[in-house]
Amino acid sequence: MTETPAARVEPIPDPALNVKELRQHALGRLRAGAFGQEMWDYLEGGSGDERSLAWNEEAWAAMRLAPHCLMGVDGIDTTTEVLGQRLSTPIGLSPAASHRIWHPDGELGVVGAAGEAGALYVQSTLGTTSMEDVAAAATAPVWFQLYVRRDRELTASLARRAAASGYTALVVTVDTPVLGARDTDRRRSVRLPKGMTFANLPALTPRKEDDLPAHRRVYVERLDPTLTWKDITWLAGLTDLPVVVKGVMRPDDASRAVDHGAAAVWVSNHGARNLDTVVPTAVALPAVAAEVGGRVPVLVDSGIRRGTDVLKALCLGADAVFVGRPYLWGLAAAGREGALAAIHMLDTELRMAMGLCGARELSALTPDLIWR
């Protein structure tokens, strides 16, 4: 088993009071390191003209709050339960590839931070640490994110390994059947640095898809464009783990997901990294939540940068809210302690916003707190 690197404690950059300030420290550290601007652009980039990348943040920020007053808000409580798992905060960590790119603490540092904060962590298939080592280091619930590959036996083996390792749900990403127009990545042919591998995957011989140059390629071996709803039912039958469908942006698709065995629906546009001009998740969430109608939990990510964003998402029907870039900024800035700082920053801001809106518990976060 790989030993967690948590013993090496790095100071949190000072001053850093919020995740956007962590972002600036991360930028400085990465630019000074071996990977430089190239990997920073990979972390920050979106698809096409990056309109949806901006809209994701703008949509949350544009919503105005309508707070109650004189509600007695001593003892604010952010504990919650998702798929039967008790959590200290409704703020979870979205799956993201290759944590060791940003800091040697990597996935083990992040799962350690999530455990200390009592937050839900979702491990990516494309991690640079094995799923078994990550699960062994976890002290809070962990889910495993799965891309369905053309090799269905490999896909099935990943699901079974996750179940055997102690993960408590499978998160199936369904919004990436083909490549998106990530221009920066296509221009630079971004790859893992020398010496790093995708630890959950065997060394595969790349299959030649066509005679096109890389920047014109739409299909790749690692993504299965034949994926359909029946495959959700297939995945749900592979193990006893509940299946979460990540990448749902429409109410009708949310219903289809539930009908085909999804235990939860995750509203996500992949951080605007795949399809540009797609609707921001803040706009899609209310209709999806209304369509699901409490049949299964509804989750959301993309563009969450403040505790007020988290509060708004919960008011609009989300049962949990996930972040990606913010905790990676923390990881890049200060390793495990930086990732923990990012969680604490958002959770503290959520508690502040709850108190100022007259809500002691998450159940008090209702749609009427959004100004119409």
Protein backbone atom coordinates (compact mmCIF):
# COMPACT_ATOMS: atom_id res chain seq x y z
CA MET A 1 0.00 0.00 0.00
CA THR A 2 1.25 3.48 -0.79
CA GLU A 3 1.69 5.58 2.34
CA THR A 4 -0.23 8.86 2.44
CA PRO A 5 2.02 11.92 2.15
CA ALA A 6 -0.04 13.81 4.74
CA ALA A 7 2.89 13.88 7.18
CA ARG A 8 4.50 16.67 5.15
CA VAL A 9 2.56 19.77 6.16
CA GLU A 10 2.94 22.85 4.01
CA PRO A 11 1.84 26.27 5.21
CA ILE A 12 -1.30 27.73 3.70
CA PRO A 13 -0.32 30.74 1.58
CA ASP A 14 -0.98 33.91 3.54
CA PRO A 15 -3.18 35.75 3.08
CA ALA A 16 -5.71 33.46 1.41
CA LEU A 17 -9.23 33.94 2.66
CA ASN A 18 -11.19 32.39 -0.20
CA VAL A 19 -10.71 29.97 -3.08
CA LYS A 20 -10.10 32.72 -5.61
CA GLU A 21 -7.11 33.84 -3.56
CA LEU A 22 -5.92 30.22 -3.40
CA ARG A 23 -6.14 30.28 -7.18
CA GLN A 24 -3.61 33.10 -7.37
CA HIS A 25 -1.19 31.24 -5.12
CA ALA A 26 -1.63 28.10 -7.23
CA LEU A 27 -0.91 30.05 -10.40
CA GLY A 28 2.30 31.42 -8.95
CA ARG A 29 3.50 28.05 -7.74
CA LEU A 30 2.74 26.23 -10.98
CA ARG A 31 4.39 28.88 -13.12
CA ALA A 32 7.51 28.53 -11.00
CA GLY A 33 7.55 24.73 -11.31
CA ALA A 34 8.53 22.20 -13.90
CA PHE A 35 5.17 22.11 -15.71
CA GLY A 36 4.68 25.86 -15.94
CA GLN A 37 2.01 27.62 -17.93
CA GLU A 38 1.05 24.55 -19.96
CA MET A 39 -0.48 22.63 -17.06
CA TRP A 40 -2.11 25.76 -15.65
CA ASP A 41 -3.88 26.29 -18.95
CA TYR A 42 -4.99 22.64 -18.88
CA LEU A 43 -6.53 23.13 -15.43
CA GLU A 44 -8.25 26.40 -16.23
CA GLY A 45 -9.31 25.83 -19.81
CA GLY A 46 -12.75 25.22 -21.27
CA SER A 47 -14.14 24.37 -24.67
CA GLY A 48 -14.44 26.53 -27.77
CA ASP A 49 -14.64 30.24 -27.01
CA GLU A 50 -15.11 29.41 -23.32
CA ARG A 51 -18.45 31.18 -23.10
CA SER A 52 -19.97 28.47 -20.90
CA LEU A 53 -16.87 28.56 -18.71
CA ALA A 54 -17.71 32.18 -17.88
CA TRP A 55 -21.47 31.60 -17.74
CA ASN A 56 -21.10 28.89 -15.11
CA GLU A 57 -19.75 31.36 -12.57
CA GLU A 58 -21.84 34.30 -13.76
CA ALA A 59 -25.13 32.41 -13.44
CA TRP A 60 -24.60 31.63 -9.75
CA ALA A 61 -23.39 35.16 -9.05
CA ALA A 62 -26.36 36.74 -10.84
CA MET A 63 -28.92 35.15 -8.52
CA ARG A 64 -29.98 37.50 -5.73
CA LEU A 65 -30.79 36.34 -2.23
CA ALA A 66 -33.90 37.26 -0.25
CA PRO A 67 -32.89 36.59 3.37
CA HIS A 68 -35.17 36.11 6.36
CA CYS A 69 -34.26 37.93 9.56
CA LEU A 70 -34.85 37.36 13.30
CA MET A 71 -34.85 33.60 12.88
CA GLY A 72 -32.50 32.60 15.70
CA VAL A 73 -29.47 31.10 13.98
CA ASP A 74 -27.29 29.87 16.82
CA GLY A 75 -25.85 26.41 16.26
CA ILE A 76 -25.80 26.32 12.45
CA ASP A 77 -25.68 22.71 11.24
CA THR A 78 -24.44 21.69 7.78
CA THR A 79 -24.53 17.93 8.27
CA THR A 80 -26.40 15.99 5.63
CA GLU A 81 -26.97 12.51 4.25
CA VAL A 82 -26.59 11.41 0.62
CA LEU A 83 -27.36 7.85 -0.46
CA GLY A 84 -27.37 6.81 3.18
CA GLN A 85 -23.95 8.29 3.91
CA ARG A 86 -23.60 10.85 6.68
CA LEU A 87 -21.49 13.89 5.80
CA SER A 88 -20.33 16.91 7.78
CA THR A 89 -20.84 19.23 4.82
CA PRO A 90 -22.92 19.21 1.63
CA ILE A 91 -19.81 20.31 -0.28
CA GLY A 92 -18.17 17.40 -2.12
CA LEU A 93 -15.09 17.04 -4.31
CA SER A 94 -15.76 16.29 -7.97
CA PRO A 95 -13.69 13.71 -9.83
CA ALA A 96 -10.63 15.21 -11.50
CA ALA A 97 -7.78 13.50 -13.30
CA SER A 98 -4.12 13.32 -12.39
CA HIS A 99 -3.82 15.03 -9.01
CA ARG A 100 -0.07 14.41 -8.84
CA ILE A 101 0.35 16.87 -11.71
CA TRP A 102 -0.49 19.67 -9.29
CA HIS A 103 1.36 18.47 -6.19
CA PRO A 104 3.21 15.34 -4.97
CA ASP A 105 0.51 14.81 -2.31
CA GLY A 106 -1.84 13.95 -5.19
CA GLU A 107 -4.99 11.92 -4.65
CA LEU A 108 -3.87 10.70 -1.24
CA GLY A 109 -3.54 14.26 -0.02
CA VAL A 110 -6.98 15.19 -1.32
CA VAL A 111 -8.77 12.15 0.09
CA GLY A 112 -7.05 12.86 3.41
CA ALA A 113 -8.31 16.44 3.34
CA ALA A 114 -11.83 15.26 2.49
CA GLY A 115 -11.76 12.83 5.39
CA GLU A 116 -10.67 15.48 7.86
CA ALA A 117 -13.45 17.79 6.67
CA GLY A 118 -16.08 15.04 6.58
CA ALA A 119 -16.64 15.73 2.88
CA LEU A 120 -17.53 13.31 0.10
CA TYR A 121 -14.67 12.62 -2.32
CA VAL A 122 -15.09 11.19 -5.82
CA GLN A 123 -12.03 9.40 -7.22
CA SER A 124 -11.44 9.69 -10.96
CA THR A 125 -10.76 6.70 -13.20
CA LEU A 126 -7.86 8.78 -14.53
CA GLY A 127 -6.16 9.12 -11.16
CA THR A 128 -2.39 8.98 -10.75
CA THR A 129 -2.85 6.85 -7.61
CA SER A 130 -4.57 3.48 -7.63
CA MET A 131 -8.19 3.32 -6.53
CA GLU A 132 -7.24 0.74 -3.90
CA ASP A 133 -4.66 3.01 -2.25
CA VAL A 134 -7.08 5.95 -2.29
CA ALA A 135 -9.87 3.91 -0.70
CA ALA A 136 -7.47 2.57 1.95
CA ALA A 137 -6.54 6.14 2.92
CA ALA A 138 -10.14 7.38 3.13
CA THR A 139 -11.75 8.27 6.45
CA ALA A 140 -15.01 9.58 4.98
CA PRO A 141 -17.23 8.15 2.20
CA VAL A 142 -15.64 7.88 -1.24
CA TRP A 143 -17.26 7.26 -4.62
CA PHE A 144 -15.58 6.08 -7.81
CA GLN A 145 -16.04 7.86 -11.14
CA LEU A 146 -16.21 5.65 -14.19
CA TYR A 147 -15.84 6.35 -17.89
CA VAL A 148 -17.46 3.60 -19.94
CA ARG A 149 -14.79 2.40 -22.33
CA ARG A 150 -15.08 0.54 -25.61
CA ASP A 151 -13.58 -2.43 -23.77
CA ARG A 152 -16.60 -3.33 -21.66
CA GLU A 153 -14.74 -6.03 -19.75
CA LEU A 154 -12.23 -3.42 -18.62
CA THR A 155 -15.14 -1.18 -17.63
CA ALA A 156 -16.73 -4.02 -15.67
CA SER A 157 -13.44 -4.82 -13.94
CA LEU A 158 -13.06 -1.21 -12.80
CA ALA A 159 -16.56 -1.27 -11.33
CA ARG A 160 -15.88 -4.52 -9.50
CA ARG A 161 -12.53 -3.26 -8.19
CA ALA A 162 -14.29 -0.18 -6.83
CA ALA A 163 -16.84 -2.32 -5.01
CA ALA A 164 -14.15 -4.58 -3.60
CA SER A 165 -12.06 -1.60 -2.43
CA GLY A 166 -14.80 -0.01 -0.32
CA TYR A 167 -16.20 2.72 -2.56
CA THR A 168 -19.86 3.34 -1.81
CA ALA A 169 -21.15 4.46 -5.22
CA LEU A 170 -20.25 4.43 -8.91
CA VAL A 171 -20.39 7.78 -10.69
CA VAL A 172 -20.83 7.26 -14.43
CA THR A 173 -19.82 10.25 -16.54
CA VAL A 174 -22.21 10.40 -19.52
CA ASP A 175 -21.46 13.79 -21.07
CA THR A 176 -18.28 12.78 -22.92
CA PRO A 177 -18.99 10.27 -25.71
CA VAL A 178 -16.55 12.12 -27.98
CA LEU A 179 -13.84 14.73 -27.59
CA GLY A 180 -14.69 18.38 -27.06
CA ALA A 181 -13.02 21.36 -28.72
CA ARG A 182 -10.48 22.08 -25.99
CA ASP A 183 -8.34 24.26 -28.21
CA THR A 184 -5.46 24.76 -25.79
CA ASP A 185 -5.15 21.02 -25.16
CA ARG A 186 -5.38 20.25 -28.88
CA ARG A 187 -2.72 22.83 -29.72
CA ARG A 188 -0.28 21.50 -27.11
CA SER A 189 -1.19 17.78 -27.17
CA VAL A 190 -1.24 17.81 -23.36
CA ARG A 191 0.05 14.56 -21.82
CA LEU A 192 1.02 13.27 -18.40
CA PRO A 193 4.51 14.30 -17.34
CA LYS A 194 7.22 11.67 -17.68
CA GLY A 195 7.09 9.15 -14.85
CA MET A 196 3.35 9.49 -14.17
CA THR A 197 0.71 7.01 -15.28
CA PHE A 198 -3.01 6.50 -14.99
CA ALA A 199 -2.69 4.10 -12.09
CA ASN A 200 -6.11 2.44 -12.49
CA LEU A 201 -5.63 1.44 -16.10
CA PRO A 202 -3.40 -1.15 -17.72
CA ALA A 203 -0.75 -0.02 -20.16
CA LEU A 204 -2.77 0.03 -23.34
CA THR A 205 -1.47 0.08 -26.87
CA PRO A 206 -3.20 3.07 -28.47
CA ARG A 207 -5.59 2.03 -31.20
CA LYS A 208 -5.41 4.04 -34.37
CA GLU A 209 -8.86 5.53 -34.86
CA ASP A 210 -8.32 7.08 -38.28
CA ASP A 211 -5.73 8.90 -40.36
CA LEU A 212 -6.64 12.34 -39.02
CA PRO A 213 -4.14 14.49 -37.14
CA ALA A 214 -4.78 14.70 -33.40
CA HIS A 215 -6.36 18.16 -33.54
CA ARG A 216 -9.06 16.92 -35.96
CA ARG A 217 -9.91 13.75 -34.08
CA VAL A 218 -13.44 13.35 -32.68
CA TYR A 219 -13.37 9.70 -31.53
CA VAL A 220 -10.78 8.15 -29.21
CA GLU A 221 -10.33 4.67 -27.79
CA ARG A 222 -10.87 5.69 -24.18
CA LEU A 223 -14.41 7.02 -24.84
CA ASP A 224 -17.28 4.86 -26.04
CA PRO A 225 -19.59 6.74 -28.44
CA THR A 226 -22.04 3.81 -28.48
CA LEU A 227 -23.09 4.43 -24.85
CA THR A 228 -26.90 4.48 -24.39
CA TRP A 229 -29.42 4.36 -21.57
CA LYS A 230 -29.44 0.57 -21.52
CA ASP A 231 -25.82 0.72 -20.38
CA ILE A 232 -26.89 2.47 -17.18
CA THR A 233 -29.08 -0.53 -16.41
CA TRP A 234 -26.13 -2.81 -17.23
CA LEU A 235 -23.82 -0.89 -14.89
CA ALA A 236 -26.39 -0.92 -12.10
CA GLY A 237 -26.43 -4.71 -12.32
CA LEU A 238 -22.65 -5.18 -12.19
CA THR A 239 -22.26 -4.59 -8.46
CA ASP A 240 -24.34 -3.72 -5.42
CA LEU A 241 -23.12 -0.12 -5.57
CA PRO A 242 -25.66 2.61 -6.37
CA VAL A 243 -25.07 4.24 -9.76
CA VAL A 244 -24.93 8.04 -10.02
CA VAL A 245 -25.40 9.47 -13.53
CA LYS A 246 -23.16 12.53 -13.95
CA GLY A 247 -23.64 14.97 -16.82
CA VAL A 248 -27.43 15.35 -16.90
CA MET A 249 -28.58 18.79 -18.11
CA ARG A 250 -32.21 18.20 -19.13
CA PRO A 251 -35.33 17.27 -17.14
CA ASP A 252 -36.30 14.53 -19.61
CA ASP A 253 -32.86 12.95 -19.35
CA ALA A 254 -33.11 13.10 -15.56
CA SER A 255 -36.31 11.04 -15.71
CA ARG A 256 -34.71 8.58 -18.10
CA ALA A 257 -31.78 8.18 -15.73
CA VAL A 258 -34.08 7.33 -12.84
CA ASP A 259 -36.11 4.96 -15.01
CA HIS A 260 -32.93 3.09 -15.99
CA GLY A 261 -31.73 2.55 -12.45
CA ALA A 262 -29.84 5.70 -11.43
CA ALA A 263 -29.68 6.14 -7.66
CA ALA A 264 -28.84 9.85 -8.07
CA VAL A 265 -28.73 12.43 -10.86
CA TRP A 266 -25.78 14.82 -11.15
CA VAL A 267 -26.33 18.09 -13.01
CA SER A 268 -23.00 18.91 -14.63
CA ASN A 269 -21.62 20.38 -17.82
CA HIS A 270 -18.13 19.03 -17.03
CA GLY A 271 -16.93 22.43 -15.89
CA ALA A 272 -17.59 23.69 -19.44
CA ARG A 273 -14.64 21.62 -20.67
CA ASN A 274 -16.50 19.72 -23.42
CA LEU A 275 -19.36 21.60 -25.07
CA ASP A 276 -19.29 25.38 -25.38
CA THR A 277 -22.47 27.48 -25.18
CA VAL A 278 -24.14 24.74 -23.13
CA VAL A 279 -26.52 26.12 -20.50
CA PRO A 280 -24.90 26.81 -17.11
CA THR A 281 -25.78 24.34 -14.37
CA ALA A 282 -27.35 27.06 -12.22
CA VAL A 283 -29.96 27.49 -14.94
CA ALA A 284 -30.48 23.77 -15.57
CA LEU A 285 -30.72 22.71 -11.91
CA PRO A 286 -34.23 23.91 -10.94
CA ALA A 287 -36.01 22.15 -13.81
CA VAL A 288 -34.07 18.93 -13.27
CA ALA A 289 -34.81 18.96 -9.54
CA ALA A 290 -38.50 19.60 -10.22
CA GLU A 291 -38.66 16.72 -12.69
CA VAL A 292 -36.92 14.30 -10.32
CA GLY A 293 -39.34 15.33 -7.59
CA GLY A 294 -37.40 13.80 -4.73
CA ARG A 295 -37.30 10.29 -6.22
CA VAL A 296 -33.49 10.29 -5.99
CA PRO A 297 -30.91 12.82 -4.78
CA VAL A 298 -29.92 15.62 -7.17
CA LEU A 299 -26.30 16.79 -7.22
CA VAL A 300 -24.71 19.72 -9.03
CA ASP A 301 -21.30 21.15 -9.93
CA SER A 302 -19.64 23.67 -12.28
CA GLY A 303 -18.91 27.30 -11.43
CA ILE A 304 -19.23 27.02 -7.63
CA ARG A 305 -16.78 29.52 -6.17
CA ARG A 306 -18.42 30.90 -3.02
CA GLY A 307 -20.45 29.63 -0.09
CA THR A 308 -23.33 31.72 -1.39
CA ASP A 309 -23.20 29.65 -4.61
CA VAL A 310 -23.51 26.50 -2.51
CA LEU A 311 -26.45 27.97 -0.62
CA LYS A 312 -28.23 28.93 -3.84
CA ALA A 313 -27.78 25.44 -5.28
CA LEU A 314 -29.26 23.87 -2.15
CA CYS A 315 -32.16 26.32 -2.27
CA LEU A 316 -32.86 25.31 -5.87
CA GLY A 317 -33.12 21.59 -5.13
CA ALA A 318 -29.60 20.16 -4.93
CA ASP A 319 -28.93 17.65 -2.17
CA ALA A 320 -25.16 18.14 -2.43
CA VAL A 321 -22.88 20.53 -4.29
CA PHE A 322 -19.52 19.62 -5.80
CA VAL A 323 -16.41 21.60 -6.68
CA GLY A 324 -13.45 20.73 -8.90
CA ARG A 325 -11.07 23.55 -9.71
CA PRO A 326 -11.26 25.14 -6.22
CA TYR A 327 -9.78 22.16 -4.38
CA LEU A 328 -7.21 21.66 -7.17
CA TRP A 329 -6.16 25.27 -6.67
CA GLY A 330 -5.68 24.46 -3.00
CA LEU A 331 -3.77 21.30 -3.83
CA ALA A 332 -1.49 23.16 -6.23
CA ALA A 333 -0.93 25.95 -3.70
CA ALA A 334 -0.14 23.87 -0.61
CA GLY A 335 -0.77 20.17 -1.13
CA ARG A 336 -3.11 18.36 1.27
CA GLU A 337 -3.42 21.39 3.55
CA GLY A 338 -4.37 23.59 0.62
CA ALA A 339 -7.12 21.19 -0.46
CA LEU A 340 -8.41 21.13 3.12
CA ALA A 341 -8.30 24.93 3.23
CA ALA A 342 -10.45 25.12 0.09
CA ILE A 343 -13.12 22.91 1.66
CA HIS A 344 -13.05 24.88 4.90
CA MET A 345 -13.26 28.21 3.08
CA LEU A 346 -16.40 27.21 1.18
CA ASP A 347 -17.99 25.53 4.20
CA THR A 348 -17.33 28.57 6.40
CA GLU A 349 -18.84 30.87 3.79
CA LEU A 350 -21.86 28.54 3.53
CA ARG A 351 -22.39 28.74 7.30
CA MET A 352 -22.11 32.52 7.19
CA ALA A 353 -24.62 32.72 4.34
CA MET A 354 -27.02 30.38 6.13
CA GLY A 355 -26.93 32.50 9.26
CA LEU A 356 -27.44 35.70 7.32
CA CYS A 357 -30.39 34.13 5.47
CA GLY A 358 -32.02 32.92 8.69
CA ALA A 359 -31.33 29.21 8.22
CA ARG A 360 -29.92 27.05 11.02
CA GLU A 361 -30.19 23.78 9.07
CA LEU A 362 -29.94 22.77 5.43
CA SER A 363 -33.64 21.90 5.41
CA ALA A 364 -34.38 25.62 5.84
CA LEU A 365 -32.74 26.41 2.49
CA THR A 366 -35.83 26.75 0.32
CA PRO A 367 -36.52 28.38 -3.06
CA ASP A 368 -38.09 31.47 -1.47
CA LEU A 369 -34.59 32.57 -0.38
CA ILE A 370 -33.85 33.30 -4.04
CA TRP A 371 -35.22 36.73 -5.04
CA ARG A 372 -37.71 36.40 -7.87
